[in-house]
Amino acid sequence: MTMTMTIDAECIPTQPIGTGTRAADDLLDVLHETVDAVAQLDPDLLHSGTSAGSAVLGLAAAARAATASVGCAPGTTLLEAPGVVVVRDLVAAVSLLEQAASRGDAVPEPGTLQQVVRRAGAAHDRFLTAIIAPS
């Protein structure tokens, strides 16, 4: 039996992290794009042991690292879980980053956010490759 999951989310406008660069906005764009994409997939395809699931966990970790870079509590990084939990972890990590970004004084440590954005870009590329690869 195949189960599918849908996620209904309200679009809430977010504030950019005060960095003077587009790095934070670019990170949130990639994360929002990934949340939209995983909502359309069968959660079984996103188990942490799959390529796609591992990439999604990498994106959640990047969101948590960006949250920590602005001095907010990032939460616990998930290492292994079924797909539905992987999706929930990504959504939770993005939510934490959005909350951190909404702070008026959110300024990341120098260079840290750019490193996080590069890691997120690599994880996003792995995710896209995994979901378009023929089965």
Protein backbone atom coordinates (compact mmCIF):
# COMPACT_ATOMS: atom_id res chain seq x y z
CA MET A 1 0.00 0.00 0.00
CA THR A 2 1.36 3.40 -0.97
CA MET A 3 0.59 6.34 1.25
CA THR A 4 0.97 9.93 0.21
CA MET A 5 1.20 12.98 2.35
CA THR A 6 0.17 16.51 1.61
CA ILE A 7 1.25 19.55 3.49
CA ASP A 8 -0.93 22.62 3.59
CA ALA A 9 1.02 25.64 4.66
CA GLU A 10 0.08 29.23 4.97
CA CYS A 11 2.47 31.52 3.16
CA ILE A 12 3.86 33.89 5.73
CA PRO A 13 6.08 36.69 4.46
CA THR A 14 9.52 36.51 6.02
CA GLN A 15 12.01 39.20 6.82
CA PRO A 16 15.50 38.92 5.32
CA ILE A 17 18.34 38.32 7.76
CA GLY A 18 20.19 41.60 8.19
CA THR A 19 23.43 40.73 6.43
CA GLY A 20 23.65 43.32 3.69
CA THR A 21 23.89 40.43 1.19
CA ARG A 22 21.48 38.22 -0.66
CA ALA A 23 22.94 35.09 0.96
CA ALA A 24 20.20 34.73 3.56
CA ASP A 25 17.43 35.40 1.07
CA ASP A 26 18.96 32.90 -1.34
CA LEU A 27 19.08 30.29 1.41
CA LEU A 28 15.45 30.82 2.33
CA ASP A 29 14.48 30.64 -1.36
CA VAL A 30 16.20 27.26 -1.73
CA LEU A 31 14.63 25.98 1.48
CA HIS A 32 11.13 27.12 0.51
CA GLU A 33 11.53 25.55 -2.93
CA THR A 34 12.54 22.27 -1.29
CA VAL A 35 9.61 22.34 1.15
CA ASP A 36 7.28 22.83 -1.82
CA ALA A 37 8.92 19.93 -3.66
CA VAL A 38 8.86 17.45 -0.76
CA ALA A 39 5.18 18.18 -0.19
CA GLN A 40 4.51 16.66 -3.62
CA LEU A 41 6.54 13.47 -3.05
CA ASP A 42 5.72 10.14 -1.46
CA PRO A 43 7.29 10.34 2.02
CA ASP A 44 8.73 6.84 1.58
CA LEU A 45 11.08 8.33 -1.03
CA LEU A 46 12.47 10.67 1.62
CA HIS A 47 13.61 8.17 4.24
CA SER A 48 16.96 9.30 5.63
CA GLY A 49 18.60 6.24 4.07
CA THR A 50 17.72 7.36 0.54
CA SER A 51 19.67 9.90 -1.50
CA ALA A 52 16.75 12.32 -1.53
CA GLY A 53 16.12 11.94 2.21
CA SER A 54 19.78 12.43 3.02
CA ALA A 55 19.84 15.60 0.91
CA VAL A 56 16.72 16.92 2.68
CA LEU A 57 18.39 16.29 6.04
CA GLY A 58 21.40 18.21 4.73
CA LEU A 59 19.13 21.15 3.91
CA ALA A 60 17.53 21.01 7.35
CA ALA A 61 21.02 21.00 8.88
CA ALA A 62 21.93 24.05 6.78
CA ALA A 63 18.82 25.86 8.02
CA ARG A 64 19.79 25.02 11.59
CA ALA A 65 23.38 26.19 11.02
CA ALA A 66 22.11 29.50 9.62
CA THR A 67 19.85 29.86 12.65
CA ALA A 68 22.80 29.26 14.96
CA SER A 69 24.93 31.74 12.99
CA VAL A 70 22.61 34.56 14.04
CA GLY A 71 22.74 33.52 17.68
CA CYS A 72 19.46 31.62 17.98
CA ALA A 73 18.91 28.10 19.26
CA PRO A 74 18.95 25.82 16.18
CA GLY A 75 17.32 22.74 17.68
CA THR A 76 18.57 19.20 17.33
CA THR A 77 19.91 17.87 14.03
CA LEU A 78 18.12 14.75 12.84
CA LEU A 79 20.36 11.94 11.58
CA GLU A 80 18.02 9.07 10.77
CA ALA A 81 14.25 8.84 10.37
CA PRO A 82 11.40 7.74 8.11
CA GLY A 83 10.42 10.11 5.32
CA VAL A 84 7.50 11.76 7.05
CA VAL A 85 9.78 12.72 9.96
CA VAL A 86 12.46 13.96 7.55
CA VAL A 87 9.85 16.28 5.99
CA ARG A 88 8.71 17.50 9.40
CA ASP A 89 12.32 18.16 10.39
CA LEU A 90 12.91 20.29 7.29
CA VAL A 91 9.75 22.31 7.94
CA ALA A 92 10.73 22.80 11.60
CA ALA A 93 14.27 23.88 10.70
CA VAL A 94 12.98 26.36 8.11
CA SER A 95 10.51 27.72 10.65
CA LEU A 96 13.31 28.26 13.17
CA LEU A 97 15.35 30.11 10.55
CA GLU A 98 12.38 32.29 9.63
CA GLN A 99 11.88 33.17 13.29
CA ALA A 100 15.57 33.99 13.65
CA ALA A 101 15.45 36.07 10.47
CA SER A 102 12.50 38.06 11.73
CA ARG A 103 14.57 39.43 14.58
CA GLY A 104 15.68 42.95 13.80
CA ASP A 105 19.18 42.35 15.15
CA ALA A 106 19.84 39.07 13.30
CA VAL A 107 23.40 39.48 12.01
CA PRO A 108 25.33 36.28 11.26
CA GLU A 109 28.94 35.67 12.13
CA PRO A 110 31.22 36.87 9.28
CA GLY A 111 31.59 34.30 6.49
CA THR A 112 29.50 31.69 8.26
CA LEU A 113 26.31 32.28 6.33
CA GLN A 114 28.09 32.08 2.97
CA GLN A 115 29.50 28.67 3.94
CA VAL A 116 26.03 27.51 4.96
CA VAL A 117 24.57 28.72 1.65
CA ARG A 118 27.22 26.74 -0.28
CA ARG A 119 26.42 23.58 1.72
CA ALA A 120 22.70 24.11 1.16
CA GLY A 121 23.26 24.56 -2.57
CA ALA A 122 25.16 21.27 -2.76
CA ALA A 123 22.44 19.47 -0.76
CA HIS A 124 19.73 20.98 -2.96
CA ASP A 125 21.56 19.78 -6.09
CA ARG A 126 21.78 16.27 -4.59
CA PHE A 127 18.06 16.41 -3.78
CA LEU A 128 17.11 17.44 -7.32
CA THR A 129 19.35 14.76 -8.82
CA ALA A 130 17.81 12.12 -6.55
CA ILE A 131 14.19 12.98 -7.32
CA ILE A 132 14.66 13.17 -11.09
CA ALA A 133 16.86 10.08 -11.37
CA PRO A 134 15.06 7.18 -13.06
CA SER A 135 14.00 4.42 -10.66
